Amino acid sequence: MAGMLDLENELKVANEFWDFLGGVGTYLQLLDIFERVGIELRHEIDDYFSKYNRQ
Protein backbone atom coordinates (compact mmCIF):
# COMPACT_ATOMS: atom_id res chain seq x y z
CA MET A 1 0.00 0.00 0.00
CA ALA A 2 1.46 3.35 -1.01
CA GLY A 3 1.84 6.14 1.55
CA MET A 4 -0.75 8.87 1.71
CA LEU A 5 1.81 11.61 1.09
CA ASP A 6 4.16 11.91 -1.82
CA LEU A 7 6.90 13.54 0.25
CA GLU A 8 9.04 14.25 -2.80
CA ASN A 9 6.32 16.29 -4.51
CA GLU A 10 3.85 17.39 -1.84
CA LEU A 11 5.69 18.27 1.35
CA LYS A 12 7.98 21.27 1.20
CA VAL A 13 9.83 22.71 4.18
CA ALA A 14 12.48 25.37 4.78
CA ASN A 15 14.27 26.37 1.58
CA GLU A 16 12.09 24.18 -0.66
CA PHE A 17 8.94 25.82 0.71
CA TRP A 18 10.10 29.43 0.50
CA ASP A 19 11.81 29.03 -2.86
CA PHE A 20 8.64 27.38 -4.19
CA LEU A 21 6.56 30.37 -3.02
CA GLY A 22 8.91 33.19 -3.95
CA GLY A 23 11.36 31.75 -6.45
CA VAL A 24 14.93 30.55 -6.20
CA GLY A 25 16.87 32.40 -3.51
CA THR A 26 13.86 33.49 -1.46
CA TYR A 27 14.82 31.35 1.54
CA LEU A 28 18.33 32.81 1.72
CA GLN A 29 16.93 36.34 1.36
CA LEU A 30 14.55 35.70 4.26
CA LEU A 31 17.38 34.39 6.45
CA ASP A 32 19.40 37.51 5.65
CA ILE A 33 16.45 39.79 6.49
CA PHE A 34 15.80 38.02 9.80
CA GLU A 35 19.47 38.27 10.71
CA ARG A 36 19.67 42.00 9.93
CA VAL A 37 16.44 42.79 11.80
CA GLY A 38 17.58 40.66 14.73
CA ILE A 39 20.85 42.57 14.95
CA GLU A 40 19.09 45.93 14.70
CA LEU A 41 16.45 45.08 17.30
CA ARG A 42 18.67 42.98 19.58
CA HIS A 43 18.23 45.21 22.63
CA GLU A 44 14.46 45.39 22.28
CA ILE A 45 14.22 41.62 21.81
CA ASP A 46 16.46 40.98 24.83
CA ASP A 47 14.44 43.41 26.96
CA TYR A 48 11.18 41.76 25.97
CA PHE A 49 12.35 38.23 26.76
CA SER A 50 14.22 39.20 29.94
CA LYS A 51 10.92 39.25 31.85
CA TYR A 52 10.55 35.52 31.13
CA ASN A 53 14.08 34.68 32.30
CA ARG A 54 13.61 35.87 35.89
CA GLN A 55 13.98 33.16 38.49
PDB file of N, CA and C in Angstrom:
ATOM      1  N   MET A   1       0.844  -1.183   0.000  1.00  0.00           N
ATOM      2  CA  MET A   1       0.000   0.000   0.000  1.00  0.00           C
ATOM      3  C   MET A   1       0.888   1.244   0.000  1.00  0.00           C
ATOM      4  N   ALA A   2       0.660   2.123  -0.909  1.00  0.00           N
ATOM      5  CA  ALA A   2       1.459   3.345  -1.013  1.00  0.00           C
ATOM      6  C   ALA A   2       1.111   4.294   0.124  1.00  0.00           C
ATOM      7  N   GLY A   3       2.082   5.151   0.508  1.00  0.00           N
ATOM      8  CA  GLY A   3       1.842   6.137   1.551  1.00  0.00           C
ATOM      9  C   GLY A   3       0.843   7.194   1.092  1.00  0.00           C
ATOM     10  N   MET A   4       0.257   7.860   2.032  1.00  0.00           N
ATOM     11  CA  MET A   4      -0.745   8.867   1.709  1.00  0.00           C
ATOM     12  C   MET A   4      -0.119  10.156   1.185  1.00  0.00           C
ATOM     13  N   LEU A   5       1.128  10.404   1.537  1.00  0.00           N
ATOM     14  CA  LEU A   5       1.807  11.613   1.089  1.00  0.00           C
ATOM     15  C   LEU A   5       2.934  11.263   0.136  1.00  0.00           C
ATOM     16  N   ASP A   6       3.021  12.006  -0.909  1.00  0.00           N
ATOM     17  CA  ASP A   6       4.155  11.909  -1.817  1.00  0.00           C
ATOM     18  C   ASP A   6       5.148  12.963  -1.347  1.00  0.00           C
ATOM     19  N   LEU A   7       6.006  12.589  -0.400  1.00  0.00           N
ATOM     20  CA  LEU A   7       6.899  13.543   0.246  1.00  0.00           C
ATOM     21  C   LEU A   7       7.786  14.279  -0.752  1.00  0.00           C
ATOM     22  N   GLU A   8       8.165  13.623  -1.810  1.00  0.00           N
ATOM     23  CA  GLU A   8       9.036  14.246  -2.803  1.00  0.00           C
ATOM     24  C   GLU A   8       8.350  15.400  -3.520  1.00  0.00           C
ATOM     25  N   ASN A   9       7.040  15.294  -3.722  1.00  0.00           N
ATOM     26  CA  ASN A   9       6.321  16.291  -4.514  1.00  0.00           C
ATOM     27  C   ASN A   9       5.321  17.132  -3.741  1.00  0.00           C
ATOM     28  N   GLU A  10       4.914  16.702  -2.554  1.00  0.00           N
ATOM     29  CA  GLU A  10       3.850  17.394  -1.841  1.00  0.00           C
ATOM     30  C   GLU A  10       4.303  18.152  -0.597  1.00  0.00           C
ATOM     31  N   LEU A  11       5.290  17.668   0.098  1.00  0.00           N
ATOM     32  CA  LEU A  11       5.695  18.275   1.353  1.00  0.00           C
ATOM     33  C   LEU A  11       6.962  19.086   1.146  1.00  0.00           C
ATOM     34  N   LYS A  12       6.832  20.381   1.365  1.00  0.00           N
ATOM     35  CA  LYS A  12       7.983  21.266   1.201  1.00  0.00           C
ATOM     36  C   LYS A  12       8.218  21.989   2.524  1.00  0.00           C
ATOM     37  N   VAL A  13       9.475  22.019   2.949  1.00  0.00           N
ATOM     38  CA  VAL A  13       9.833  22.714   4.182  1.00  0.00           C
ATOM     39  C   VAL A  13      11.084  23.553   3.929  1.00  0.00           C
ATOM     40  N   ALA A  14      11.277  24.515   4.802  1.00  0.00           N
ATOM     41  CA  ALA A  14      12.475  25.369   4.778  1.00  0.00           C
ATOM     42  C   ALA A  14      12.724  25.942   3.389  1.00  0.00           C
ATOM     43  N   ASN A  15      13.919  25.731   2.857  1.00  0.00           N
ATOM     44  CA  ASN A  15      14.272  26.365   1.580  1.00  0.00           C
ATOM     45  C   ASN A  15      13.374  25.913   0.438  1.00  0.00           C
ATOM     46  N   GLU A  16      12.976  24.646   0.413  1.00  0.00           N
ATOM     47  CA  GLU A  16      12.089  24.179  -0.656  1.00  0.00           C
ATOM     48  C   GLU A  16      10.753  24.921  -0.626  1.00  0.00           C
ATOM     49  N   PHE A  17      10.221  25.132   0.563  1.00  0.00           N
ATOM     50  CA  PHE A  17       8.940  25.817   0.715  1.00  0.00           C
ATOM     51  C   PHE A  17       9.030  27.261   0.266  1.00  0.00           C
ATOM     52  N   TRP A  18       9.990  28.009   0.809  1.00  0.00           N
ATOM     53  CA  TRP A  18      10.095  29.434   0.498  1.00  0.00           C
ATOM     54  C   TRP A  18      10.518  29.687  -0.936  1.00  0.00           C
ATOM     55  N   ASP A  19      11.413  28.866  -1.465  1.00  0.00           N
ATOM     56  CA  ASP A  19      11.812  29.028  -2.862  1.00  0.00           C
ATOM     57  C   ASP A  19      10.665  28.664  -3.804  1.00  0.00           C
ATOM     58  N   PHE A  20       9.822  27.721  -3.398  1.00  0.00           N
ATOM     59  CA  PHE A  20       8.637  27.384  -4.186  1.00  0.00           C
ATOM     60  C   PHE A  20       7.680  28.576  -4.232  1.00  0.00           C
ATOM     61  N   LEU A  21       7.484  29.225  -3.087  1.00  0.00           N
ATOM     62  CA  LEU A  21       6.564  30.369  -3.022  1.00  0.00           C
ATOM     63  C   LEU A  21       7.121  31.609  -3.721  1.00  0.00           C
ATOM     64  N   GLY A  22       8.371  31.916  -3.485  1.00  0.00           N
ATOM     65  CA  GLY A  22       8.915  33.186  -3.951  1.00  0.00           C
ATOM     66  C   GLY A  22       9.960  33.104  -5.034  1.00  0.00           C
ATOM     67  N   GLY A  23      10.331  31.913  -5.432  1.00  0.00           N
ATOM     68  CA  GLY A  23      11.356  31.749  -6.452  1.00  0.00           C
ATOM     69  C   GLY A  23      12.702  31.420  -5.821  1.00  0.00           C
ATOM     70  N   VAL A  24      13.598  30.971  -6.656  1.00  0.00           N
ATOM     71  CA  VAL A  24      14.928  30.548  -6.202  1.00  0.00           C
ATOM     72  C   VAL A  24      15.618  31.708  -5.470  1.00  0.00           C
ATOM     73  N   GLY A  25      16.153  31.404  -4.305  1.00  0.00           N
ATOM     74  CA  GLY A  25      16.872  32.400  -3.514  1.00  0.00           C
ATOM     75  C   GLY A  25      16.043  33.075  -2.444  1.00  0.00           C
ATOM     76  N   THR A  26      14.736  32.840  -2.444  1.00  0.00           N
ATOM     77  CA  THR A  26      13.861  33.488  -1.462  1.00  0.00           C
ATOM     78  C   THR A  26      14.225  33.102  -0.038  1.00  0.00           C
ATOM     79  N   TYR A  27      14.498  31.826   0.187  1.00  0.00           N
ATOM     80  CA  TYR A  27      14.818  31.354   1.537  1.00  0.00           C
ATOM     81  C   TYR A  27      16.065  32.052   2.081  1.00  0.00           C
ATOM     82  N   LEU A  28      17.097  32.156   1.275  1.00  0.00           N
ATOM     83  CA  LEU A  28      18.330  32.815   1.719  1.00  0.00           C
ATOM     84  C   LEU A  28      18.100  34.303   1.965  1.00  0.00           C
ATOM     85  N   GLN A  29      17.268  34.928   1.151  1.00  0.00           N
ATOM     86  CA  GLN A  29      16.935  36.339   1.364  1.00  0.00           C
ATOM     87  C   GLN A  29      16.197  36.521   2.685  1.00  0.00           C
ATOM     88  N   LEU A  30      15.273  35.622   2.989  1.00  0.00           N
ATOM     89  CA  LEU A  30      14.552  35.698   4.264  1.00  0.00           C
ATOM     90  C   LEU A  30      15.493  35.530   5.450  1.00  0.00           C
ATOM     91  N   LEU A  31      16.409  34.577   5.361  1.00  0.00           N
ATOM     92  CA  LEU A  31      17.378  34.391   6.448  1.00  0.00           C
ATOM     93  C   LEU A  31      18.200  35.653   6.657  1.00  0.00           C
ATOM     94  N   ASP A  32      18.614  36.280   5.566  1.00  0.00           N
ATOM     95  CA  ASP A  32      19.396  37.508   5.652  1.00  0.00           C
ATOM     96  C   ASP A  32      18.585  38.625   6.304  1.00  0.00           C
ATOM     97  N   ILE A  33      17.320  38.757   5.912  1.00  0.00           N
ATOM     98  CA  ILE A  33      16.450  39.787   6.491  1.00  0.00           C
ATOM     99  C   ILE A  33      16.273  39.557   7.986  1.00  0.00           C
ATOM    100  N   PHE A  34      15.975  38.315   8.376  1.00  0.00           N
ATOM    101  CA  PHE A  34      15.799  38.017   9.803  1.00  0.00           C
ATOM    102  C   PHE A  34      17.067  38.310  10.594  1.00  0.00           C
ATOM    103  N   GLU A  35      18.218  38.002  10.020  1.00  0.00           N
ATOM    104  CA  GLU A  35      19.474  38.271  10.713  1.00  0.00           C
ATOM    105  C   GLU A  35      19.682  39.775  10.897  1.00  0.00           C
ATOM    106  N   ARG A  36      19.462  40.551   9.838  1.00  0.00           N
ATOM    107  CA  ARG A  36      19.670  42.002   9.931  1.00  0.00           C
ATOM    108  C   ARG A  36      18.693  42.648  10.908  1.00  0.00           C
ATOM    109  N   VAL A  37      17.438  42.237  10.872  1.00  0.00           N
ATOM    110  CA  VAL A  37      16.443  42.788  11.802  1.00  0.00           C
ATOM    111  C   VAL A  37      16.780  42.379  13.229  1.00  0.00           C
ATOM    112  N   GLY A  38      17.203  41.128  13.401  1.00  0.00           N
ATOM    113  CA  GLY A  38      17.580  40.660  14.731  1.00  0.00           C
ATOM    114  C   GLY A  38      18.734  41.453  15.318  1.00  0.00           C
ATOM    115  N   ILE A  39      19.715  41.773  14.490  1.00  0.00           N
ATOM    116  CA  ILE A  39      20.855  42.572  14.953  1.00  0.00           C
ATOM    117  C   ILE A  39      20.393  43.979  15.321  1.00  0.00           C
ATOM    118  N   GLU A  40      19.563  44.562  14.464  1.00  0.00           N
ATOM    119  CA  GLU A  40      19.094  45.932  14.699  1.00  0.00           C
ATOM    120  C   GLU A  40      18.208  46.041  15.939  1.00  0.00           C
ATOM    121  N   LEU A  41      17.398  45.029  16.176  1.00  0.00           N
ATOM    122  CA  LEU A  41      16.450  45.079  17.299  1.00  0.00           C
ATOM    123  C   LEU A  41      16.897  44.250  18.494  1.00  0.00           C
ATOM    124  N   ARG A  42      18.153  43.879  18.540  1.00  0.00           N
ATOM    125  CA  ARG A  42      18.668  42.983  19.583  1.00  0.00           C
ATOM    126  C   ARG A  42      18.309  43.443  20.988  1.00  0.00           C
ATOM    127  N   HIS A  43      18.500  44.729  21.276  1.00  0.00           N
ATOM    128  CA  HIS A  43      18.233  45.214  22.635  1.00  0.00           C
ATOM    129  C   HIS A  43      16.752  45.138  22.966  1.00  0.00           C
ATOM    130  N   GLU A  44      15.897  45.472  22.038  1.00  0.00           N
ATOM    131  CA  GLU A  44      14.456  45.389  22.277  1.00  0.00           C
ATOM    132  C   GLU A  44      14.017  43.944  22.483  1.00  0.00           C
ATOM    133  N   ILE A  45      14.558  43.041  21.687  1.00  0.00           N
ATOM    134  CA  ILE A  45      14.222  41.621  21.815  1.00  0.00           C
ATOM    135  C   ILE A  45      14.699  41.092  23.164  1.00  0.00           C
ATOM    136  N   ASP A  46      15.929  41.420  23.538  1.00  0.00           N
ATOM    137  CA  ASP A  46      16.464  40.982  24.831  1.00  0.00           C
ATOM    138  C   ASP A  46      15.638  41.531  25.984  1.00  0.00           C
ATOM    139  N   ASP A  47      15.270  42.815  25.906  1.00  0.00           N
ATOM    140  CA  ASP A  47      14.444  43.415  26.962  1.00  0.00           C
ATOM    141  C   ASP A  47      13.101  42.704  27.078  1.00  0.00           C
ATOM    142  N   TYR A  48      12.484  42.419  25.958  1.00  0.00           N
ATOM    143  CA  TYR A  48      11.178  41.757  25.971  1.00  0.00           C
ATOM    144  C   TYR A  48      11.261  40.383  26.629  1.00  0.00           C
ATOM    145  N   PHE A  49      12.258  39.593  26.241  1.00  0.00           N
ATOM    146  CA  PHE A  49      12.346  38.230  26.764  1.00  0.00           C
ATOM    147  C   PHE A  49      12.973  38.155  28.159  1.00  0.00           C
ATOM    148  N   SER A  50      13.596  39.227  28.614  1.00  0.00           N
ATOM    149  CA  SER A  50      14.222  39.201  29.940  1.00  0.00           C
ATOM    150  C   SER A  50      13.185  38.994  31.044  1.00  0.00           C
ATOM    151  N   LYS A  51      11.949  39.429  30.829  1.00  0.00           N
ATOM    152  CA  LYS A  51      10.917  39.247  31.852  1.00  0.00           C
ATOM    153  C   LYS A  51      10.546  37.789  32.023  1.00  0.00           C
ATOM    154  N   TYR A  52      10.858  36.947  31.032  1.00  0.00           N
ATOM    155  CA  TYR A  52      10.555  35.524  31.132  1.00  0.00           C
ATOM    156  C   TYR A  52      11.733  34.739  31.689  1.00  0.00           C
ATOM    157  N   ASN A  53      12.894  35.371  31.821  1.00  0.00           N
ATOM    158  CA  ASN A  53      14.082  34.680  32.303  1.00  0.00           C
ATOM    159  C   ASN A  53      14.311  34.888  33.798  1.00  0.00           C
ATOM    160  N   ARG A  54      13.440  35.636  34.445  1.00  0.00           N
ATOM    161  CA  ARG A  54      13.608  35.870  35.887  1.00  0.00           C
ATOM    162  C   ARG A  54      13.353  34.589  36.656  1.00  0.00           C
ATOM    163  N   GLN A  55      14.159  34.395  37.694  1.00  0.00           N
ATOM    164  CA  GLN A  55      13.979  33.165  38.492  1.00  0.00           C
ATOM    165  C   GLN A  55      13.638  33.496  39.903  1.00  0.00           C
TER     166      GLN A  55
END
